[in-house]
C-alpha atoms as a PDB file:
ATOM      1  CA  MET A   1     -14.822   2.725  31.791  1.00  0.00           C
ATOM      2  CA  THR A   2     -13.694   4.121  28.486  1.00  0.00           C
ATOM      3  CA  LEU A   3     -14.752   1.772  25.742  1.00  0.00           C
ATOM      4  CA  VAL A   4     -12.763   1.305  22.255  1.00  0.00           C
ATOM      5  CA  LEU A   5     -14.098  -0.709  19.510  1.00  0.00           C
ATOM      6  CA  CYS A   6     -11.706  -2.608  17.313  1.00  0.00           C
ATOM      7  CA  THR A   7     -13.079  -3.731  13.974  1.00  0.00           C
ATOM      8  CA  GLU A   8     -10.294  -5.520  12.479  1.00  0.00           C
ATOM      9  CA  ASP A   9      -7.377  -7.649  13.427  1.00  0.00           C
ATOM     10  CA  TYR A  10      -4.623  -6.028  15.675  1.00  0.00           C
ATOM     11  CA  ASP A  11      -1.621  -7.331  17.184  1.00  0.00           C
ATOM     12  CA  ALA A  12      -2.427  -9.000  20.425  1.00  0.00           C
ATOM     13  CA  GLN A  13       0.373  -7.361  22.339  1.00  0.00           C
ATOM     14  CA  CYS A  14      -0.780  -3.896  21.454  1.00  0.00           C
ATOM     15  CA  ILE A  15      -4.482  -4.792  22.258  1.00  0.00           C
ATOM     16  CA  ALA A  16      -3.321  -6.294  25.734  1.00  0.00           C
ATOM     17  CA  TRP A  17      -1.524  -2.894  26.311  1.00  0.00           C
ATOM     18  CA  LEU A  18      -4.625  -0.776  25.408  1.00  0.00           C
ATOM     19  CA  GLY A  19      -6.744  -3.267  27.493  1.00  0.00           C
ATOM     20  CA  GLU A  20      -4.909  -2.427  30.702  1.00  0.00           C
ATOM     21  CA  ARG A  21      -6.118   1.157  30.372  1.00  0.00           C
ATOM     22  CA  CYS A  22      -9.605   0.868  29.078  1.00  0.00           C
ATOM     23  CA  GLU A  23     -12.183  -1.666  27.797  1.00  0.00           C
ATOM     24  CA  VAL A  24     -11.428  -3.044  24.368  1.00  0.00           C
ATOM     25  CA  LEU A  25     -13.972  -4.996  22.417  1.00  0.00           C
ATOM     26  CA  ARG A  26     -13.643  -6.540  18.891  1.00  0.00           C
ATOM     27  CA  CYS A  27     -16.748  -5.576  16.913  1.00  0.00           C
ATOM     28  CA  ALA A  28     -17.354  -4.581  13.320  1.00  0.00           C
ATOM     29  CA  PRO A  29     -19.996  -2.248  11.762  1.00  0.00           C
ATOM     30  CA  THR A  30     -21.242  -5.320   9.833  1.00  0.00           C
ATOM     31  CA  ASP A  31     -22.338  -7.026  13.229  1.00  0.00           C
ATOM     32  CA  GLY A  32     -25.514  -5.014  13.037  1.00  0.00           C
ATOM     33  CA  SER A  33     -27.402  -4.485  16.386  1.00  0.00           C
ATOM     34  CA  LEU A  34     -24.388  -5.647  18.478  1.00  0.00           C
ATOM     35  CA  PHE A  35     -22.173  -2.976  17.177  1.00  0.00           C
ATOM     36  CA  ASP A  36     -24.853  -0.365  17.326  1.00  0.00           C
ATOM     37  CA  ASP A  37     -25.356  -1.144  20.993  1.00  0.00           C
ATOM     38  CA  LEU A  38     -21.589  -0.714  21.784  1.00  0.00           C
ATOM     39  CA  ALA A  39     -21.144   2.168  19.419  1.00  0.00           C
ATOM     40  CA  GLN A  40     -23.593   4.341  21.686  1.00  0.00           C
ATOM     41  CA  ARG A  41     -20.824   4.389  24.434  1.00  0.00           C
ATOM     42  CA  ALA A  42     -17.604   3.797  22.469  1.00  0.00           C
ATOM     43  CA  GLU A  43     -15.142   6.827  22.689  1.00  0.00           C
ATOM     44  CA  GLY A  44     -12.394   5.288  20.420  1.00  0.00           C
ATOM     45  CA  LEU A  45     -12.480   3.274  17.055  1.00  0.00           C
ATOM     46  CA  LEU A  46      -9.554   1.122  15.876  1.00  0.00           C
ATOM     47  CA  VAL A  47      -9.616   0.130  12.273  1.00  0.00           C
ATOM     48  CA  ARG A  48      -7.315  -1.081   9.619  1.00  0.00           C
ATOM     49  CA  THR A  49      -7.946  -1.163   5.639  1.00  0.00           C
ATOM     50  CA  TYR A  50     -11.599  -2.348   5.184  1.00  0.00           C
ATOM     51  CA  THR A  51     -13.652  -0.425   7.768  1.00  0.00           C
ATOM     52  CA  ARG A  52     -15.029   2.824   6.143  1.00  0.00           C
ATOM     53  CA  VAL A  53     -15.235   5.549   8.513  1.00  0.00           C
ATOM     54  CA  ASP A  54     -17.607   7.891   6.872  1.00  0.00           C
ATOM     55  CA  ALA A  55     -20.598  10.162   8.021  1.00  0.00           C
ATOM     56  CA  ASP A  56     -22.974   7.252   8.302  1.00  0.00           C
ATOM     57  CA  LEU A  57     -20.667   5.476  10.647  1.00  0.00           C
ATOM     58  CA  LEU A  58     -19.869   8.385  12.622  1.00  0.00           C
ATOM     59  CA  ALA A  59     -23.701   8.927  13.224  1.00  0.00           C
ATOM     60  CA  ARG A  60     -23.908   5.571  14.748  1.00  0.00           C
ATOM     61  CA  MET A  61     -20.990   6.586  17.379  1.00  0.00           C
ATOM     62  CA  PRO A  62     -22.321   9.723  19.223  1.00  0.00           C
ATOM     63  CA  ARG A  63     -19.765   9.721  21.841  1.00  0.00           C
ATOM     64  CA  LEU A  64     -16.713   8.903  19.437  1.00  0.00           C
ATOM     65  CA  ARG A  65     -13.569  11.076  20.049  1.00  0.00           C
ATOM     66  CA  VAL A  66     -10.722   9.516  18.007  1.00  0.00           C
ATOM     67  CA  VAL A  67     -10.337   6.967  15.273  1.00  0.00           C
ATOM     68  CA  GLY A  68      -7.013   4.949  14.966  1.00  0.00           C
ATOM     69  CA  ARG A  69      -5.930   3.497  11.653  1.00  0.00           C
ATOM     70  CA  ALA A  70      -3.206   0.826  11.861  1.00  0.00           C
ATOM     71  CA  GLY A  71      -1.363   1.680   8.738  1.00  0.00           C
ATOM     72  CA  VAL A  72      -0.227   4.733   6.441  1.00  0.00           C
ATOM     73  CA  ALA A  73      -3.104   5.526   4.197  1.00  0.00           C
ATOM     74  CA  LEU A  74      -6.434   7.187   5.250  1.00  0.00           C
ATOM     75  CA  GLU A  75      -8.394   6.663   2.104  1.00  0.00           C
ATOM     76  CA  ASN A  76     -11.152   4.633   4.065  1.00  0.00           C
ATOM     77  CA  ILE A  77     -11.541   7.336   6.615  1.00  0.00           C
ATOM     78  CA  ASP A  78     -13.250  10.616   5.745  1.00  0.00           C
ATOM     79  CA  ALA A  79     -11.072  12.895   7.582  1.00  0.00           C
ATOM     80  CA  LEU A  80     -13.191  15.969   6.847  1.00  0.00           C
ATOM     81  CA  ALA A  81     -16.387  14.459   8.348  1.00  0.00           C
ATOM     82  CA  CYS A  82     -14.235  13.370  11.357  1.00  0.00           C
ATOM     83  CA  ARG A  83     -13.078  16.995  11.777  1.00  0.00           C
ATOM     84  CA  GLU A  84     -16.417  18.447  11.518  1.00  0.00           C
ATOM     85  CA  ARG A  85     -17.708  15.997  14.252  1.00  0.00           C
ATOM     86  CA  GLY A  86     -14.607  16.921  16.397  1.00  0.00           C
ATOM     87  CA  VAL A  87     -13.308  13.403  15.933  1.00  0.00           C
ATOM     88  CA  ALA A  88      -9.466  13.042  15.931  1.00  0.00           C
ATOM     89  CA  VAL A  89      -7.898  10.771  13.463  1.00  0.00           C
ATOM     90  CA  VAL A  90      -4.405   9.077  14.088  1.00  0.00           C
ATOM     91  CA  HIS A  91      -2.321   6.609  12.043  1.00  0.00           C
ATOM     92  CA  THR A  92       1.126   5.099  11.801  1.00  0.00           C
ATOM     93  CA  PRO A  93       2.900   6.773   8.751  1.00  0.00           C
ATOM     94  CA  ASN A  94       6.370   5.175   9.583  1.00  0.00           C
ATOM     95  CA  SER A  95       5.373   1.627  10.412  1.00  0.00           C
ATOM     96  CA  ASN A  96       5.577  -0.379   7.244  1.00  0.00           C
ATOM     97  CA  THR A  97       8.397   1.285   5.052  1.00  0.00           C
ATOM     98  CA  ARG A  98      10.962  -1.682   5.369  1.00  0.00           C
ATOM     99  CA  ALA A  99       8.235  -4.343   4.862  1.00  0.00           C
ATOM    100  CA  VAL A 100       7.060  -2.908   1.618  1.00  0.00           C
ATOM    101  CA  VAL A 101      10.471  -2.306   0.427  1.00  0.00           C
ATOM    102  CA  GLU A 102      11.360  -5.872   1.167  1.00  0.00           C
ATOM    103  CA  PHE A 103       8.232  -7.015  -0.779  1.00  0.00           C
ATOM    104  CA  PHE A 104       9.318  -4.848  -3.759  1.00  0.00           C
ATOM    105  CA  THR A 105      12.779  -6.522  -3.743  1.00  0.00           C
ATOM    106  CA  ALA A 106      11.325  -9.933  -3.739  1.00  0.00           C
ATOM    107  CA  VAL A 107       8.727  -9.585  -6.550  1.00  0.00           C
ATOM    108  CA  LEU A 108      11.560  -7.717  -8.545  1.00  0.00           C
ATOM    109  CA  MET A 109      13.781 -10.824  -8.128  1.00  0.00           C
ATOM    110  CA  ASP A 110      10.962 -13.178  -9.005  1.00  0.00           C
ATOM    111  CA  ALA A 111      10.464 -11.220 -12.256  1.00  0.00           C
ATOM    112  CA  LEU A 112      14.123 -11.320 -13.020  1.00  0.00           C
ATOM    113  CA  ARG A 113      15.369 -14.579 -11.819  1.00  0.00           C
ATOM    114  CA  PRO A 114      13.287 -17.708 -12.801  1.00  0.00           C
ATOM    115  CA  ARG A 115      14.110 -20.670 -10.541  1.00  0.00           C
ATOM    116  CA  VAL A 116      12.859 -23.962  -9.396  1.00  0.00           C
ATOM    117  CA  PHE A 117      13.192 -25.618  -6.034  1.00  0.00           C
ATOM    118  CA  LEU A 118      13.836 -29.415  -6.068  1.00  0.00           C
ATOM    119  CA  ASP A 119      12.057 -32.029  -4.128  1.00  0.00           C
ATOM    120  CA  ASP A 120      13.413 -34.960  -6.007  1.00  0.00           C
ATOM    121  CA  ALA A 121      16.702 -35.996  -7.639  1.00  0.00           C
ATOM    122  CA  LEU A 122      16.540 -35.162 -11.421  1.00  0.00           C
ATOM    123  CA  GLU A 123      17.753 -37.185 -14.142  1.00  0.00           C
ATOM    124  CA  PRO A 124      20.722 -35.676 -15.872  1.00  0.00           C
ATOM    125  CA  GLU A 125      18.811 -34.569 -18.945  1.00  0.00           C
ATOM    126  CA  ASP A 126      16.173 -32.942 -16.813  1.00  0.00           C
ATOM    127  CA  TRP A 127      18.962 -31.260 -14.737  1.00  0.00           C
ATOM    128  CA  HIS A 128      20.642 -29.847 -17.636  1.00  0.00           C
ATOM    129  CA  ALA A 129      17.386 -28.852 -19.257  1.00  0.00           C
ATOM    130  CA  ALA A 130      16.463 -26.767 -16.290  1.00  0.00           C
ATOM    131  CA  ARG A 131      19.863 -25.008 -16.345  1.00  0.00           C
ATOM    132  CA  ARG A 132      19.299 -24.136 -20.137  1.00  0.00           C
ATOM    133  CA  GLU A 133      15.675 -22.972 -19.620  1.00  0.00           C
ATOM    134  CA  LEU A 134      15.703 -21.151 -16.299  1.00  0.00           C
ATOM    135  CA  VAL A 135      17.906 -18.287 -17.310  1.00  0.00           C
ATOM    136  CA  GLY A 136      17.235 -14.653 -16.571  1.00  0.00           C
ATOM    137  CA  GLU A 137      16.910 -12.381 -19.571  1.00  0.00           C
ATOM    138  CA  TRP A 138      18.288  -9.377 -17.619  1.00  0.00           C
ATOM    139  CA  GLU A 139      20.367  -8.454 -14.695  1.00  0.00           C
ATOM    140  CA  ALA A 140      19.223  -5.803 -12.608  1.00  0.00           C
ATOM    141  CA  ASN A 141      21.920  -3.195 -13.564  1.00  0.00           C
ATOM    142  CA  GLU A 142      20.965  -3.498 -17.282  1.00  0.00           C
ATOM    143  CA  LEU A 143      17.577  -2.064 -16.407  1.00  0.00           C
ATOM    144  CA  THR A 144      16.417   1.416 -15.565  1.00  0.00           C
ATOM    145  CA  LEU A 145      14.437   1.678 -12.393  1.00  0.00           C
ATOM    146  CA  GLY A 146      11.557   4.405 -12.497  1.00  0.00           C
ATOM    147  CA  ILE A 147      10.023   5.289  -9.263  1.00  0.00           C
ATOM    148  CA  LEU A 148       6.746   7.190  -9.128  1.00  0.00           C
ATOM    149  CA  GLY A 149       6.482   8.912  -5.660  1.00  0.00           C
ATOM    150  CA  PHE A 150       9.701   9.487  -3.721  1.00  0.00           C
ATOM    151  CA  GLY A 151       8.536   9.590  -0.060  1.00  0.00           C
ATOM    152  CA  ARG A 152       9.599   7.303   2.578  1.00  0.00           C
ATOM    153  CA  ILE A 153       9.110   4.054   0.591  1.00  0.00           C
ATOM    154  CA  GLY A 154       9.864   5.326  -2.906  1.00  0.00           C
ATOM    155  CA  SER A 155      13.279   6.699  -1.587  1.00  0.00           C
ATOM    156  CA  ALA A 156      14.123   3.532   0.237  1.00  0.00           C
ATOM    157  CA  VAL A 157      13.318   1.504  -2.820  1.00  0.00           C
ATOM    158  CA  ALA A 158      15.902   3.684  -4.663  1.00  0.00           C
ATOM    159  CA  ARG A 159      18.536   2.645  -2.278  1.00  0.00           C
ATOM    160  CA  VAL A 160      17.872  -0.878  -3.293  1.00  0.00           C
ATOM    161  CA  GLY A 161      18.099   0.132  -6.774  1.00  0.00           C
ATOM    162  CA  GLU A 162      21.488   1.699  -5.895  1.00  0.00           C
ATOM    163  CA  ALA A 163      22.725  -1.483  -4.322  1.00  0.00           C
ATOM    164  CA  LEU A 164      21.805  -3.488  -7.783  1.00  0.00           C
ATOM    165  CA  ASP A 165      23.693  -0.734  -9.669  1.00  0.00           C
ATOM    166  CA  MET A 166      20.345   0.185 -11.585  1.00  0.00           C
ATOM    167  CA  PRO A 167      20.018   3.559 -13.202  1.00  0.00           C
ATOM    168  CA  ILE A 168      17.382   5.280 -11.276  1.00  0.00           C
ATOM    169  CA  LEU A 169      14.801   8.001 -12.301  1.00  0.00           C
ATOM    170  CA  TYR A 170      11.995   9.206 -10.135  1.00  0.00           C
ATOM    171  CA  HIS A 171       9.178  11.716 -10.270  1.00  0.00           C
ATOM    172  CA  ASP A 172       7.252  13.282  -7.473  1.00  0.00           C
ATOM    173  CA  LEU A 173       4.643  16.165  -6.902  1.00  0.00           C
ATOM    174  CA  ARG A 174       7.036  17.822  -4.563  1.00  0.00           C
ATOM    175  CA  GLU A 175      10.366  19.239  -4.687  1.00  0.00           C
ATOM    176  CA  ILE A 176      12.880  16.681  -3.077  1.00  0.00           C
ATOM    177  CA  ALA A 177      15.923  17.811  -1.221  1.00  0.00           C
ATOM    178  CA  PRO A 178      18.916  16.863  -3.318  1.00  0.00           C
ATOM    179  CA  GLU A 179      20.469  15.089  -0.337  1.00  0.00           C
ATOM    180  CA  ARG A 180      17.747  12.478  -0.702  1.00  0.00           C
ATOM    181  CA  TRP A 181      18.267  11.891  -4.311  1.00  0.00           C
ATOM    182  CA  GLY A 182      21.400   9.531  -4.104  1.00  0.00           C
ATOM    183  CA  SER A 183      21.975   8.423  -7.522  1.00  0.00           C
ATOM    184  CA  ALA A 184      18.414   8.968  -8.418  1.00  0.00           C
ATOM    185  CA  LYS A 185      17.696  11.412 -11.128  1.00  0.00           C
ATOM    186  CA  PRO A 186      14.438  13.609 -10.845  1.00  0.00           C
ATOM    187  CA  VAL A 187      12.603  13.754 -14.229  1.00  0.00           C
ATOM    188  CA  SER A 188       9.117  14.594 -15.699  1.00  0.00           C
ATOM    189  CA  PHE A 189       6.189  12.246 -15.349  1.00  0.00           C
ATOM    190  CA  GLU A 190       6.312  11.680 -18.973  1.00  0.00           C
ATOM    191  CA  ARG A 191      10.129  10.840 -18.902  1.00  0.00           C
ATOM    192  CA  VAL A 192       9.767   8.384 -15.947  1.00  0.00           C
ATOM    193  CA  LEU A 193       7.001   6.559 -18.053  1.00  0.00           C
ATOM    194  CA  ALA A 194       8.981   6.470 -21.325  1.00  0.00           C
ATOM    195  CA  GLU A 195      12.404   5.414 -19.937  1.00  0.00           C
ATOM    196  CA  SER A 196      11.763   3.036 -17.130  1.00  0.00           C
ATOM    197  CA  ASP A 197      12.318  -0.669 -17.677  1.00  0.00           C
ATOM    198  CA  VAL A 198      10.956  -1.168 -14.124  1.00  0.00           C
ATOM    199  CA  LEU A 199       8.331   1.283 -12.893  1.00  0.00           C
ATOM    200  CA  SER A 200       7.399   0.916  -9.218  1.00  0.00           C
ATOM    201  CA  VAL A 201       4.499   2.959  -7.960  1.00  0.00           C
ATOM    202  CA  HIS A 202       4.817   4.607  -4.395  1.00  0.00           C
ATOM    203  CA  VAL A 203       2.306   7.618  -4.511  1.00  0.00           C
ATOM    204  CA  ASP A 204       0.137   8.625  -1.759  1.00  0.00           C
ATOM    205  CA  TYR A 205      -3.671   8.528  -1.296  1.00  0.00           C
ATOM    206  CA  ARG A 206      -4.619  12.038  -2.336  1.00  0.00           C
ATOM    207  CA  ALA A 207      -7.512  12.051  -4.586  1.00  0.00           C
ATOM    208  CA  SER A 208      -5.607  13.478  -7.566  1.00  0.00           C
ATOM    209  CA  ASN A 209      -3.716  10.274  -7.804  1.00  0.00           C
ATOM    210  CA  ALA A 210      -6.867   8.234  -8.705  1.00  0.00           C
ATOM    211  CA  GLY A 211      -6.453   6.913 -12.203  1.00  0.00           C
ATOM    212  CA  LEU A 212      -2.938   8.252 -12.520  1.00  0.00           C
ATOM    213  CA  LEU A 213      -2.060   5.416 -14.833  1.00  0.00           C
ATOM    214  CA  GLY A 214      -4.464   4.660 -17.585  1.00  0.00           C
ATOM    215  CA  ALA A 215      -4.421   3.877 -21.244  1.00  0.00           C
ATOM    216  CA  PRO A 216      -2.319   7.023 -22.392  1.00  0.00           C
ATOM    217  CA  GLU A 217       0.286   6.344 -19.580  1.00  0.00           C
ATOM    218  CA  PHE A 218       0.564   2.777 -20.548  1.00  0.00           C
ATOM    219  CA  GLU A 219       1.133   3.580 -24.138  1.00  0.00           C
ATOM    220  CA  ARG A 220       4.042   5.921 -23.240  1.00  0.00           C
ATOM    221  CA  MET A 221       5.861   3.009 -21.494  1.00  0.00           C
ATOM    222  CA  LYS A 222       8.361   0.697 -22.936  1.00  0.00           C
ATOM    223  CA  PRO A 223       7.006  -2.313 -24.802  1.00  0.00           C
ATOM    224  CA  GLY A 224       8.598  -4.757 -22.286  1.00  0.00           C
ATOM    225  CA  ALA A 225       8.331  -2.837 -19.107  1.00  0.00           C
ATOM    226  CA  LEU A 226       7.612  -4.164 -15.774  1.00  0.00           C
ATOM    227  CA  LEU A 227       5.058  -2.463 -13.652  1.00  0.00           C
ATOM    228  CA  ILE A 228       4.928  -2.914  -9.887  1.00  0.00           C
ATOM    229  CA  ASN A 229       2.339  -1.361  -7.696  1.00  0.00           C
ATOM    230  CA  THR A 230       2.484  -1.644  -3.908  1.00  0.00           C
ATOM    231  CA  SER A 231       0.884   1.751  -3.270  1.00  0.00           C
ATOM    232  CA  ARG A 232      -2.995   2.093  -3.846  1.00  0.00           C
ATOM    233  CA  GLY A 233      -5.161   0.184  -6.101  1.00  0.00           C
ATOM    234  CA  PHE A 234      -7.033   3.276  -7.390  1.00  0.00           C
ATOM    235  CA  VAL A 235      -3.793   4.576  -8.974  1.00  0.00           C
ATOM    236  CA  ILE A 236      -4.186   2.275 -11.914  1.00  0.00           C
ATOM    237  CA  ASP A 237      -7.095   1.754 -14.394  1.00  0.00           C
ATOM    238  CA  ALA A 238      -7.212  -1.949 -14.214  1.00  0.00           C
ATOM    239  CA  ALA A 239      -9.291  -2.275 -17.353  1.00  0.00           C
ATOM    240  CA  ALA A 240      -7.018  -0.265 -19.423  1.00  0.00           C
ATOM    241  CA  LEU A 241      -4.122  -2.139 -17.926  1.00  0.00           C
ATOM    242  CA  ALA A 242      -5.705  -5.503 -18.913  1.00  0.00           C
ATOM    243  CA  THR A 243      -6.110  -4.291 -22.488  1.00  0.00           C
ATOM    244  CA  HIS A 244      -2.488  -3.016 -22.523  1.00  0.00           C
ATOM    245  CA  LEU A 245      -1.189  -6.406 -21.289  1.00  0.00           C
ATOM    246  CA  ARG A 246      -2.973  -8.366 -23.881  1.00  0.00           C
ATOM    247  CA  ALA A 247      -1.794  -6.156 -26.591  1.00  0.00           C
ATOM    248  CA  HIS A 248       1.859  -6.168 -25.303  1.00  0.00           C
ATOM    249  CA  PRO A 249       2.600  -9.777 -24.092  1.00  0.00           C
ATOM    250  CA  ASP A 250       6.129  -8.711 -23.238  1.00  0.00           C
ATOM    251  CA  CYS A 251       5.018  -6.196 -20.616  1.00  0.00           C
ATOM    252  CA  ARG A 252       4.339  -7.583 -17.251  1.00  0.00           C
ATOM    253  CA  ALA A 253       2.542  -6.110 -14.126  1.00  0.00           C
ATOM    254  CA  ILE A 254       2.781  -7.177 -10.453  1.00  0.00           C
ATOM    255  CA  LEU A 255       0.067  -5.626  -8.418  1.00  0.00           C
ATOM    256  CA  ASP A 256      -0.402  -6.107  -4.628  1.00  0.00           C
ATOM    257  CA  VAL A 257      -3.192  -3.595  -4.266  1.00  0.00           C
ATOM    258  CA  HIS A 258      -6.453  -3.517  -6.293  1.00  0.00           C
ATOM    259  CA  ASP A 259      -9.364  -1.261  -7.170  1.00  0.00           C
ATOM    260  CA  PRO A 260     -12.384  -1.005  -6.923  1.00  0.00           C
ATOM    261  CA  LEU A 261     -12.767  -4.034  -4.481  1.00  0.00           C
ATOM    262  CA  GLU A 262     -10.564  -6.013  -2.167  1.00  0.00           C
ATOM    263  CA  PRO A 263     -11.040  -9.008  -2.233  1.00  0.00           C
ATOM    264  CA  ILE A 264     -10.935  -8.778  -5.929  1.00  0.00           C
ATOM    265  CA  PRO A 265     -14.136 -10.091  -7.595  1.00  0.00           C
ATOM    266  CA  GLY A 266     -14.415 -12.946 -10.140  1.00  0.00           C
ATOM    267  CA  ASP A 267     -14.816 -10.376 -12.978  1.00  0.00           C
ATOM    268  CA  TYR A 268     -11.615  -8.455 -12.143  1.00  0.00           C
ATOM    269  CA  PRO A 269     -10.099  -7.652 -15.474  1.00  0.00           C
ATOM    270  CA  LEU A 270      -6.517  -8.729 -14.765  1.00  0.00           C
ATOM    271  CA  LEU A 271      -7.399 -12.171 -13.399  1.00  0.00           C
ATOM    272  CA  GLY A 272      -6.115 -14.922 -15.578  1.00  0.00           C
ATOM    273  CA  LEU A 273      -3.673 -12.956 -17.582  1.00  0.00           C
ATOM    274  CA  PRO A 274      -0.414 -14.668 -17.973  1.00  0.00           C
ATOM    275  CA  ASN A 275       1.710 -11.415 -17.739  1.00  0.00           C
ATOM    276  CA  ALA A 276      -0.195 -10.019 -14.657  1.00  0.00           C
ATOM    277  CA  SER A 277       0.805 -11.249 -11.239  1.00  0.00           C
ATOM    278  CA  LEU A 278      -1.633 -10.412  -8.395  1.00  0.00           C
ATOM    279  CA  THR A 279      -1.064 -10.686  -4.752  1.00  0.00           C
ATOM    280  CA  PRO A 280      -3.645 -10.374  -1.982  1.00  0.00           C
ATOM    281  CA  HIS A 281      -2.275  -6.894  -0.466  1.00  0.00           C
ATOM    282  CA  LEU A 282       0.686  -8.531   1.207  1.00  0.00           C
ATOM    283  CA  ALA A 283       3.359  -5.891   1.120  1.00  0.00           C
ATOM    284  CA  SER A 284       3.250  -4.888   4.692  1.00  0.00           C
ATOM    285  CA  GLY A 285       2.744  -8.445   5.836  1.00  0.00           C
ATOM    286  CA  THR A 286       5.476  -8.952   8.321  1.00  0.00           C
ATOM    287  CA  VAL A 287       4.876  -9.622  12.167  1.00  0.00           C
ATOM    288  CA  LYS A 288       6.997  -6.365  12.942  1.00  0.00           C
ATOM    289  CA  ALA A 289       5.186  -4.178  10.625  1.00  0.00           C
ATOM    290  CA  LYS A 290       1.821  -5.440  11.666  1.00  0.00           C
ATOM    291  CA  ARG A 291       2.947  -4.706  15.104  1.00  0.00           C
ATOM    292  CA  ASP A 292       4.300  -1.328  14.557  1.00  0.00           C
ATOM    293  CA  MET A 293       1.029  -0.398  12.783  1.00  0.00           C
ATOM    294  CA  SER A 294      -1.027  -1.627  15.808  1.00  0.00           C
ATOM    295  CA  TRP A 295       0.748   0.549  18.153  1.00  0.00           C
ATOM    296  CA  VAL A 296      -1.338   3.260  16.789  1.00  0.00           C
ATOM    297  CA  VAL A 297      -3.212   2.269  20.131  1.00  0.00           C
ATOM    298  CA  CYS A 298      -0.611   4.553  22.056  1.00  0.00           C
ATOM    299  CA  ASP A 299      -1.691   7.564  19.939  1.00  0.00           C
ATOM    300  CA  LEU A 300      -5.239   6.927  20.315  1.00  0.00           C
ATOM    301  CA  TRP A 301      -4.997   6.407  24.090  1.00  0.00           C
ATOM    302  CA  GLY A 302      -2.946   9.602  24.365  1.00  0.00           C
ATOM    303  CA  VAL A 303      -5.904  11.548  22.674  1.00  0.00           C
ATOM    304  CA  LEU A 304      -8.440   9.949  25.050  1.00  0.00           C
ATOM    305  CA  GLN A 305      -6.382  11.261  27.838  1.00  0.00           C
ATOM    306  CA  GLY A 306      -6.433  14.816  26.342  1.00  0.00           C
ATOM    307  CA  GLU A 307      -3.091  14.779  24.541  1.00  0.00           C
ATOM    308  CA  LEU A 308      -2.368  16.101  21.101  1.00  0.00           C
ATOM    309  CA  ALA A 309      -2.271  13.468  18.404  1.00  0.00           C
ATOM    310  CA  GLN A 310       1.194  12.435  17.613  1.00  0.00           C
ATOM    311  CA  ASN A 311       0.418  11.417  14.043  1.00  0.00           C
ATOM    312  CA  PRO A 312      -2.617  13.223  12.648  1.00  0.00           C
ATOM    313  CA  PRO A 313      -3.450  13.252   9.098  1.00  0.00           C
ATOM    314  CA  PRO A 314      -1.303  15.099   6.595  1.00  0.00           C
ATOM    315  CA  ALA A 315      -2.350  18.799   5.990  1.00  0.00           C
ATOM    316  CA  TRP A 316      -3.002  18.111   2.296  1.00  0.00           C
ATOM    317  CA  LEU A 317      -5.776  15.800   3.016  1.00  0.00           C
ATOM    318  CA  TYR A 318      -7.810  18.543   4.312  1.00  0.00           C
ATOM    319  CA  GLU A 319      -6.631  21.012   1.572  1.00  0.00           C
ATOM    320  CA  GLU A 320      -7.703  18.719  -1.162  1.00  0.00           C
ATOM    321  CA  GLY A 321     -10.717  17.114   0.343  1.00  0.00           C
ATOM    322  CA  ASP A 322     -11.531  13.433   0.899  1.00  0.00           C
ATOM    323  CA  SER A 323     -13.301  12.607  -2.246  1.00  0.00           C
ATOM    324  CA  LEU A 324     -12.348   9.048  -2.563  1.00  0.00           C
END
């Protein structure tokens, strides 16, 4: 019976669907000899974010035919090494757009609208003090929203900005069809940095985006800008951002993804900064998004049955190389 190994958490409904068609076992590469024994006969591999599929792992899986990644990005999968071994790679590029956009909207409102939830009745003076102190400095339509990366998620974030009457600028490596712009205005990289009050990052995982935002870029930004990153941790030089935030206390950063390690270590340079808000990679954390990502099992099973992959890696990944 065909064996598929699952190394991380998947939606139970999706695993049950696959389990009706083949043998599915949960086992991670860190499980040592148990994984090595199962890997000798595994033909499929299901991963999420933290399993690194590289030449070393492929060498432990001589019968592997397809890797499924529950998610959008493939930075943890060496697609070139897989192709050299004849191993197909499939993922779910359309699975978590709405969840990430909702997360962006939530943290934007957190930044703009201070508030408190009451558990007890307040004395009149405390009530009036809260109403005096918990006042948002800006309404959204007073702020320019800048978007780095205008793909599925970036363009959807722009629609949120439009609903809030925010002026919107964006920058993307590609030419974007005008019908997708809405009210968003395409501008240079330098201009989106310089003119954004809120800069939201939604670039893809190509190697050239590593270190996209470092000390020179932070210095181009407005002194009180808000930076939100829900894309990839490696896009931002965390040490340079920490230095910038210390020097510019009116700036603020909200980061959901982190580099070089997740979970972040104790010496992560942004920990403890009052103007840095860090979340543990939550943007795609809805039941629906996790289930939609887990349905990569359908594509994986199709490949095992001899069908063409429905969602293979993007062509640019092979053109540029997987150097991450």
